[in-house]
Amino acid sequence: MMTHKELKMKALADPETRAEYEAQKPEFELLDKLLEARKRAD
């Protein structure tokens, strides 16, 4: 069974998948910030 890291590396080896992943990067960063803010608020 593959780890998440291995699966991600394999998926991102495909140029189309990598391009889509990179296009969504700002959304991932925003989600990280929201989750951090929620954690600090608790």
C-alpha atoms as a PDB file:
ATOM      1  CA  MET A   1       0.000   0.000   0.000  1.00  0.00           C
ATOM      2  CA  MET A   2       1.262   3.479  -0.866  1.00  0.00           C
ATOM      3  CA  THR A   3       1.594   6.261   1.662  1.00  0.00           C
ATOM      4  CA  HIS A   4      -0.099   9.597   1.020  1.00  0.00           C
ATOM      5  CA  LYS A   5       3.275  11.133   0.225  1.00  0.00           C
ATOM      6  CA  GLU A   6       4.085   8.423  -2.338  1.00  0.00           C
ATOM      7  CA  LEU A   7       0.662   8.712  -3.961  1.00  0.00           C
ATOM      8  CA  LYS A   8       0.980  12.492  -4.192  1.00  0.00           C
ATOM      9  CA  MET A   9       4.436  12.240  -5.768  1.00  0.00           C
ATOM     10  CA  LYS A  10       3.182   9.711  -8.300  1.00  0.00           C
ATOM     11  CA  ALA A  11       0.132  11.806  -9.177  1.00  0.00           C
ATOM     12  CA  LEU A  12       2.148  15.012  -9.510  1.00  0.00           C
ATOM     13  CA  ALA A  13       4.537  13.312 -11.935  1.00  0.00           C
ATOM     14  CA  ASP A  14       1.757  13.738 -14.519  1.00  0.00           C
ATOM     15  CA  PRO A  15       2.070  17.256 -16.045  1.00  0.00           C
ATOM     16  CA  GLU A  16      -1.706  17.790 -16.320  1.00  0.00           C
ATOM     17  CA  THR A  17      -2.304  16.765 -12.727  1.00  0.00           C
ATOM     18  CA  ARG A  18       0.569  18.958 -11.527  1.00  0.00           C
ATOM     19  CA  ALA A  19      -0.802  21.972 -13.442  1.00  0.00           C
ATOM     20  CA  GLU A  20      -4.241  21.534 -11.873  1.00  0.00           C
ATOM     21  CA  TYR A  21      -2.702  21.080  -8.414  1.00  0.00           C
ATOM     22  CA  GLU A  22      -0.650  24.264  -8.829  1.00  0.00           C
ATOM     23  CA  ALA A  23      -3.741  26.156 -10.037  1.00  0.00           C
ATOM     24  CA  GLN A  24      -5.497  25.275  -6.767  1.00  0.00           C
ATOM     25  CA  LYS A  25      -2.560  26.240  -4.554  1.00  0.00           C
ATOM     26  CA  PRO A  26      -4.098  29.581  -3.432  1.00  0.00           C
ATOM     27  CA  GLU A  27      -7.193  27.730  -2.233  1.00  0.00           C
ATOM     28  CA  PHE A  28      -5.066  25.255  -0.264  1.00  0.00           C
ATOM     29  CA  GLU A  29      -3.156  28.130   1.342  1.00  0.00           C
ATOM     30  CA  LEU A  30      -6.395  29.875   2.320  1.00  0.00           C
ATOM     31  CA  LEU A  31      -7.727  26.670   3.845  1.00  0.00           C
ATOM     32  CA  ASP A  32      -4.513  26.276   5.863  1.00  0.00           C
ATOM     33  CA  LYS A  33      -4.895  29.833   7.201  1.00  0.00           C
ATOM     34  CA  LEU A  34      -8.540  29.275   8.117  1.00  0.00           C
ATOM     35  CA  LEU A  35      -7.725  26.050   9.939  1.00  0.00           C
ATOM     36  CA  GLU A  36      -4.884  27.733  11.848  1.00  0.00           C
ATOM     37  CA  ALA A  37      -7.197  30.604  12.871  1.00  0.00           C
ATOM     38  CA  ARG A  38      -9.818  28.127  14.043  1.00  0.00           C
ATOM     39  CA  LYS A  39      -7.211  26.246  16.077  1.00  0.00           C
ATOM     40  CA  ARG A  40      -6.030  29.476  17.748  1.00  0.00           C
ATOM     41  CA  ALA A  41      -9.620  30.459  18.562  1.00  0.00           C
ATOM     42  CA  ASP A  42     -10.270  27.255  20.525  1.00  0.00           C
END
